[in-house]
Amino acid sequence: MSGAEAAVKGKFAFLFRQPGLGRIEALDPLGRTMYVMLFFETRAYLVLPSRRAYAEEPPAVMMDRFLGFSLTPEDVIHLLSGRWPEGGVPARETSWVLDKEPDGRVVGGDRDGLVFRVVKFFGRTGVPREIGFSRPGTTGRMTVLTLRFNPPERRKPFDTVFLDRFTRKSWDEIAEELGHEK
């Protein structure tokens, strides 16, 4: 992702499960966890394991802080799988307007000025391998290295019991811990 104020490059592990569950793990160059984001239908957490601290926000706010634009866990599932509900994404104030090839494969979309384009697919499937994003002032690209669909369900990746041993902090305090400006 890059914008007028900064450019960020990183390696992330994503685990998303319907309805509304998501986990994003940010890794350093040695593969160690720097932070974890957990998404649920009504709340999201940014956890700093090394600092034993976390912040809590609504999911759309957390994703906006993370990416610079708002996506729901369902949006991420649709983007990564290449599978969208017929007629677009329902039940929101605004919906994605999707660009499709004649065979129905989604190659891009737009929602309120946030545009995505599939740059490359995994073979001849509809599953994106590389996705470009843009909106005024921000551009980005995500390359998917590997994907697994429908892995055995495990609750542990979404367990929040450990947060009882961590300190809840404001977003500004967490941003300071991460070295970001407020």
C-alpha atoms as a PDB file:
ATOM      1  CA  MET A   1       0.000   0.000   0.000  1.00  0.00           C
ATOM      2  CA  SER A   2       1.240   3.476  -0.709  1.00  0.00           C
ATOM      3  CA  GLY A   3      -0.234   6.904  -0.253  1.00  0.00           C
ATOM      4  CA  ALA A   4       0.801  10.512   0.052  1.00  0.00           C
ATOM      5  CA  GLU A   5       2.206  10.033   3.569  1.00  0.00           C
ATOM      6  CA  ALA A   6       3.731   6.548   3.558  1.00  0.00           C
ATOM      7  CA  ALA A   7       4.383   3.276   1.775  1.00  0.00           C
ATOM      8  CA  VAL A   8       4.037  -0.071   3.523  1.00  0.00           C
ATOM      9  CA  LYS A   9       5.130  -3.515   2.402  1.00  0.00           C
ATOM     10  CA  GLY A  10       4.656  -6.663   4.407  1.00  0.00           C
ATOM     11  CA  LYS A  11       3.794 -10.322   4.568  1.00  0.00           C
ATOM     12  CA  PHE A  12       0.462 -11.307   6.040  1.00  0.00           C
ATOM     13  CA  ALA A  13      -1.389 -14.512   6.764  1.00  0.00           C
ATOM     14  CA  PHE A  14      -5.170 -14.360   6.370  1.00  0.00           C
ATOM     15  CA  LEU A  15      -7.804 -16.702   7.780  1.00  0.00           C
ATOM     16  CA  PHE A  16     -11.400 -15.786   7.071  1.00  0.00           C
ATOM     17  CA  ARG A  17     -14.503 -17.805   7.769  1.00  0.00           C
ATOM     18  CA  GLN A  18     -18.133 -16.941   7.218  1.00  0.00           C
ATOM     19  CA  PRO A  19     -20.039 -15.410   8.868  1.00  0.00           C
ATOM     20  CA  GLY A  20     -17.899 -12.471   9.877  1.00  0.00           C
ATOM     21  CA  LEU A  21     -14.803 -14.166  11.312  1.00  0.00           C
ATOM     22  CA  GLY A  22     -11.363 -13.039  10.262  1.00  0.00           C
ATOM     23  CA  ARG A  23      -7.752 -13.189  11.386  1.00  0.00           C
ATOM     24  CA  ILE A  24      -4.826 -11.316   9.880  1.00  0.00           C
ATOM     25  CA  GLU A  25      -1.337 -11.984  11.164  1.00  0.00           C
ATOM     26  CA  ALA A  26       1.480  -9.571  10.251  1.00  0.00           C
ATOM     27  CA  LEU A  27       4.884 -11.207  10.020  1.00  0.00           C
ATOM     28  CA  ASP A  28       8.379  -9.733  10.177  1.00  0.00           C
ATOM     29  CA  PRO A  29      11.045 -10.762   7.616  1.00  0.00           C
ATOM     30  CA  LEU A  30      12.004 -13.729   9.840  1.00  0.00           C
ATOM     31  CA  GLY A  31       8.400 -14.989   9.964  1.00  0.00           C
ATOM     32  CA  ARG A  32       7.715 -13.905  13.550  1.00  0.00           C
ATOM     33  CA  THR A  33       4.339 -12.442  14.487  1.00  0.00           C
ATOM     34  CA  MET A  34       4.406  -8.650  14.846  1.00  0.00           C
ATOM     35  CA  TYR A  35       0.682  -8.218  15.413  1.00  0.00           C
ATOM     36  CA  VAL A  36      -2.618 -10.018  14.987  1.00  0.00           C
ATOM     37  CA  MET A  37      -5.977  -8.602  13.970  1.00  0.00           C
ATOM     38  CA  LEU A  38      -9.116 -10.531  14.918  1.00  0.00           C
ATOM     39  CA  PHE A  39     -12.452  -9.713  13.292  1.00  0.00           C
ATOM     40  CA  PHE A  40     -15.900 -10.664  14.524  1.00  0.00           C
ATOM     41  CA  GLU A  41     -19.316  -9.457  13.353  1.00  0.00           C
ATOM     42  CA  THR A  42     -19.453  -6.473  15.744  1.00  0.00           C
ATOM     43  CA  ARG A  43     -15.881  -5.975  17.013  1.00  0.00           C
ATOM     44  CA  ALA A  44     -12.273  -6.280  15.987  1.00  0.00           C
ATOM     45  CA  TYR A  45      -9.013  -6.391  17.918  1.00  0.00           C
ATOM     46  CA  LEU A  46      -5.469  -5.392  17.033  1.00  0.00           C
ATOM     47  CA  VAL A  47      -3.196  -7.400  19.327  1.00  0.00           C
ATOM     48  CA  LEU A  48       0.497  -6.775  19.991  1.00  0.00           C
ATOM     49  CA  PRO A  49       1.653 -10.082  21.521  1.00  0.00           C
ATOM     50  CA  SER A  50       5.147  -8.808  22.370  1.00  0.00           C
ATOM     51  CA  ARG A  51       3.681  -5.864  24.304  1.00  0.00           C
ATOM     52  CA  ARG A  52       0.756  -7.835  25.767  1.00  0.00           C
ATOM     53  CA  ALA A  53      -1.551  -5.049  24.589  1.00  0.00           C
ATOM     54  CA  TYR A  54      -4.564  -4.687  22.317  1.00  0.00           C
ATOM     55  CA  ALA A  55      -7.014  -2.140  20.918  1.00  0.00           C
ATOM     56  CA  GLU A  56     -10.669  -2.747  20.129  1.00  0.00           C
ATOM     57  CA  GLU A  57     -12.699  -1.109  17.355  1.00  0.00           C
ATOM     58  CA  PRO A  58     -15.684  -1.928  15.123  1.00  0.00           C
ATOM     59  CA  PRO A  59     -14.524  -4.194  12.241  1.00  0.00           C
ATOM     60  CA  ALA A  60     -14.928  -1.586   9.471  1.00  0.00           C
ATOM     61  CA  VAL A  61     -12.964   0.998  11.496  1.00  0.00           C
ATOM     62  CA  MET A  62     -10.173  -1.492  12.224  1.00  0.00           C
ATOM     63  CA  MET A  63      -9.884  -2.495   8.564  1.00  0.00           C
ATOM     64  CA  ASP A  64      -9.847   1.176   7.547  1.00  0.00           C
ATOM     65  CA  ARG A  65      -7.006   1.835  10.004  1.00  0.00           C
ATOM     66  CA  PHE A  66      -5.155  -1.239   8.704  1.00  0.00           C
ATOM     67  CA  LEU A  67      -5.626  -0.748   4.953  1.00  0.00           C
ATOM     68  CA  GLY A  68      -6.639   2.880   4.629  1.00  0.00           C
ATOM     69  CA  PHE A  69     -10.086   1.799   3.417  1.00  0.00           C
ATOM     70  CA  SER A  70     -12.944  -0.178   4.866  1.00  0.00           C
ATOM     71  CA  LEU A  71     -13.580  -3.833   4.044  1.00  0.00           C
ATOM     72  CA  THR A  72     -15.686  -6.305   5.973  1.00  0.00           C
ATOM     73  CA  PRO A  73     -14.559  -9.900   6.549  1.00  0.00           C
ATOM     74  CA  GLU A  74     -17.156 -10.890   3.920  1.00  0.00           C
ATOM     75  CA  ASP A  75     -15.599  -8.457   1.430  1.00  0.00           C
ATOM     76  CA  VAL A  76     -12.194 -10.078   1.979  1.00  0.00           C
ATOM     77  CA  ILE A  77     -13.675 -13.561   1.499  1.00  0.00           C
ATOM     78  CA  HIS A  78     -15.236 -12.457  -1.801  1.00  0.00           C
ATOM     79  CA  LEU A  79     -12.029 -10.775  -2.977  1.00  0.00           C
ATOM     80  CA  LEU A  80      -9.758 -13.718  -2.139  1.00  0.00           C
ATOM     81  CA  SER A  81     -12.076 -16.438  -3.416  1.00  0.00           C
ATOM     82  CA  GLY A  82     -13.288 -14.626  -6.527  1.00  0.00           C
ATOM     83  CA  ARG A  83     -16.831 -15.714  -5.638  1.00  0.00           C
ATOM     84  CA  TRP A  84     -19.437 -13.020  -5.227  1.00  0.00           C
ATOM     85  CA  PRO A  85     -23.164 -13.316  -4.528  1.00  0.00           C
ATOM     86  CA  GLU A  86     -25.294 -13.028  -7.649  1.00  0.00           C
ATOM     87  CA  GLY A  87     -26.272  -9.413  -8.196  1.00  0.00           C
ATOM     88  CA  GLY A  88     -23.391  -8.014  -6.132  1.00  0.00           C
ATOM     89  CA  VAL A  89     -23.023  -7.705  -2.382  1.00  0.00           C
ATOM     90  CA  PRO A  90     -26.424  -7.066  -0.753  1.00  0.00           C
ATOM     91  CA  ALA A  91     -27.684  -5.411   2.429  1.00  0.00           C
ATOM     92  CA  ARG A  92     -25.337  -2.468   2.764  1.00  0.00           C
ATOM     93  CA  GLU A  93     -25.759   1.250   2.248  1.00  0.00           C
ATOM     94  CA  THR A  94     -23.703   0.852  -0.902  1.00  0.00           C
ATOM     95  CA  SER A  95     -22.751  -2.230  -2.855  1.00  0.00           C
ATOM     96  CA  TRP A  96     -19.901  -3.201  -5.072  1.00  0.00           C
ATOM     97  CA  VAL A  97     -20.386  -2.601  -8.768  1.00  0.00           C
ATOM     98  CA  LEU A  98     -18.590  -5.567 -10.294  1.00  0.00           C
ATOM     99  CA  ASP A  99     -16.850  -5.845 -13.676  1.00  0.00           C
ATOM    100  CA  LYS A 100     -17.222  -9.327 -15.143  1.00  0.00           C
ATOM    101  CA  GLU A 101     -15.929 -11.188 -18.142  1.00  0.00           C
ATOM    102  CA  PRO A 102     -18.530 -12.815 -20.425  1.00  0.00           C
ATOM    103  CA  ASP A 103     -18.090 -16.138 -18.566  1.00  0.00           C
ATOM    104  CA  GLY A 104     -19.006 -14.395 -15.278  1.00  0.00           C
ATOM    105  CA  ARG A 105     -15.488 -14.239 -13.806  1.00  0.00           C
ATOM    106  CA  VAL A 106     -15.114 -11.060 -11.706  1.00  0.00           C
ATOM    107  CA  VAL A 107     -12.155  -8.965 -12.901  1.00  0.00           C
ATOM    108  CA  GLY A 108     -12.756  -5.813 -10.866  1.00  0.00           C
ATOM    109  CA  GLY A 109     -15.134  -3.707  -8.915  1.00  0.00           C
ATOM    110  CA  ASP A 110     -15.884  -0.323  -7.407  1.00  0.00           C
ATOM    111  CA  ARG A 111     -17.561   0.806  -4.204  1.00  0.00           C
ATOM    112  CA  ASP A 112     -17.607   4.478  -3.276  1.00  0.00           C
ATOM    113  CA  GLY A 113     -14.377   5.213  -5.163  1.00  0.00           C
ATOM    114  CA  LEU A 114     -12.494   2.173  -3.849  1.00  0.00           C
ATOM    115  CA  VAL A 115     -11.541   0.248  -6.976  1.00  0.00           C
ATOM    116  CA  PHE A 116     -10.046  -3.215  -7.234  1.00  0.00           C
ATOM    117  CA  ARG A 117      -8.729  -4.927 -10.346  1.00  0.00           C
ATOM    118  CA  VAL A 118      -7.637  -8.529 -10.653  1.00  0.00           C
ATOM    119  CA  VAL A 119      -4.208  -8.370 -12.279  1.00  0.00           C
ATOM    120  CA  LYS A 120      -3.622 -12.127 -12.394  1.00  0.00           C
ATOM    121  CA  PHE A 121      -5.617 -15.269 -11.636  1.00  0.00           C
ATOM    122  CA  PHE A 122      -4.572 -18.715 -10.452  1.00  0.00           C
ATOM    123  CA  GLY A 123      -4.560 -20.440 -13.848  1.00  0.00           C
ATOM    124  CA  ARG A 124      -7.895 -20.336 -15.642  1.00  0.00           C
ATOM    125  CA  THR A 125      -9.902 -20.152 -12.426  1.00  0.00           C
ATOM    126  CA  GLY A 126     -11.774 -17.170 -11.051  1.00  0.00           C
ATOM    127  CA  VAL A 127      -9.505 -17.095  -7.992  1.00  0.00           C
ATOM    128  CA  PRO A 128      -7.353 -13.939  -7.907  1.00  0.00           C
ATOM    129  CA  ARG A 129      -3.589 -14.320  -7.528  1.00  0.00           C
ATOM    130  CA  GLU A 130      -2.816 -10.607  -7.690  1.00  0.00           C
ATOM    131  CA  ILE A 131      -5.243  -7.786  -6.889  1.00  0.00           C
ATOM    132  CA  GLY A 132      -4.630  -4.070  -7.345  1.00  0.00           C
ATOM    133  CA  PHE A 133      -6.455  -1.494  -5.224  1.00  0.00           C
ATOM    134  CA  SER A 134      -6.865   2.232  -5.652  1.00  0.00           C
ATOM    135  CA  ARG A 135      -8.795   5.107  -4.262  1.00  0.00           C
ATOM    136  CA  PRO A 136      -7.988   8.800  -4.257  1.00  0.00           C
ATOM    137  CA  GLY A 137      -4.590   9.187  -2.572  1.00  0.00           C
ATOM    138  CA  THR A 138      -3.921   5.458  -2.053  1.00  0.00           C
ATOM    139  CA  THR A 139      -2.847   2.560  -4.232  1.00  0.00           C
ATOM    140  CA  GLY A 140      -1.904  -0.965  -3.339  1.00  0.00           C
ATOM    141  CA  ARG A 141      -1.362  -4.470  -4.536  1.00  0.00           C
ATOM    142  CA  MET A 142      -1.840  -7.827  -2.906  1.00  0.00           C
ATOM    143  CA  THR A 143      -0.203 -10.981  -4.221  1.00  0.00           C
ATOM    144  CA  VAL A 144      -1.636 -14.243  -2.906  1.00  0.00           C
ATOM    145  CA  LEU A 145       1.078 -16.855  -2.453  1.00  0.00           C
ATOM    146  CA  THR A 146      -1.118 -19.795  -1.417  1.00  0.00           C
ATOM    147  CA  LEU A 147      -4.785 -20.394  -0.691  1.00  0.00           C
ATOM    148  CA  ARG A 148      -6.693 -23.133   1.057  1.00  0.00           C
ATOM    149  CA  PHE A 149     -10.451 -23.288   0.880  1.00  0.00           C
ATOM    150  CA  ASN A 150     -12.672 -24.854   3.515  1.00  0.00           C
ATOM    151  CA  PRO A 151      -9.966 -26.083   5.902  1.00  0.00           C
ATOM    152  CA  PRO A 152     -11.189 -28.057   8.919  1.00  0.00           C
ATOM    153  CA  GLU A 153     -12.904 -25.680  11.310  1.00  0.00           C
ATOM    154  CA  ARG A 154     -10.894 -24.746  14.373  1.00  0.00           C
ATOM    155  CA  ARG A 155     -11.986 -22.216  16.977  1.00  0.00           C
ATOM    156  CA  LYS A 156      -8.513 -21.568  18.400  1.00  0.00           C
ATOM    157  CA  PRO A 157      -7.450 -18.963  15.795  1.00  0.00           C
ATOM    158  CA  PHE A 158     -10.454 -16.843  16.874  1.00  0.00           C
ATOM    159  CA  ASP A 159     -10.182 -17.429  20.632  1.00  0.00           C
ATOM    160  CA  THR A 160      -9.917 -14.185  22.649  1.00  0.00           C
ATOM    161  CA  VAL A 161      -9.591 -15.641  26.178  1.00  0.00           C
ATOM    162  CA  PHE A 162      -5.904 -14.621  26.217  1.00  0.00           C
ATOM    163  CA  LEU A 163      -6.946 -10.936  26.091  1.00  0.00           C
ATOM    164  CA  ASP A 164      -7.803 -11.175  29.800  1.00  0.00           C
ATOM    165  CA  ARG A 165      -4.028 -11.188  30.416  1.00  0.00           C
ATOM    166  CA  PHE A 166      -3.376  -8.240  28.068  1.00  0.00           C
ATOM    167  CA  THR A 167      -3.842  -4.496  28.569  1.00  0.00           C
ATOM    168  CA  ARG A 168      -6.529  -2.733  26.575  1.00  0.00           C
ATOM    169  CA  LYS A 169      -5.231   0.495  25.025  1.00  0.00           C
ATOM    170  CA  SER A 170      -6.648   3.226  22.834  1.00  0.00           C
ATOM    171  CA  TRP A 171      -5.925   3.241  19.123  1.00  0.00           C
ATOM    172  CA  ASP A 172      -3.526   6.184  19.624  1.00  0.00           C
ATOM    173  CA  GLU A 173      -1.568   4.240  22.256  1.00  0.00           C
ATOM    174  CA  ILE A 174      -1.357   1.171  20.003  1.00  0.00           C
ATOM    175  CA  ALA A 175      -0.296   3.345  17.048  1.00  0.00           C
ATOM    176  CA  GLU A 176       2.488   4.761  19.232  1.00  0.00           C
ATOM    177  CA  GLU A 177       3.573   1.223  20.144  1.00  0.00           C
ATOM    178  CA  LEU A 178       3.717   0.405  16.426  1.00  0.00           C
ATOM    179  CA  GLY A 179       5.697   3.569  15.734  1.00  0.00           C
ATOM    180  CA  HIS A 180       2.941   5.307  13.749  1.00  0.00           C
ATOM    181  CA  GLU A 181       1.936   8.892  14.118  1.00  0.00           C
ATOM    182  CA  LYS A 182      -1.396   9.573  15.789  1.00  0.00           C
END
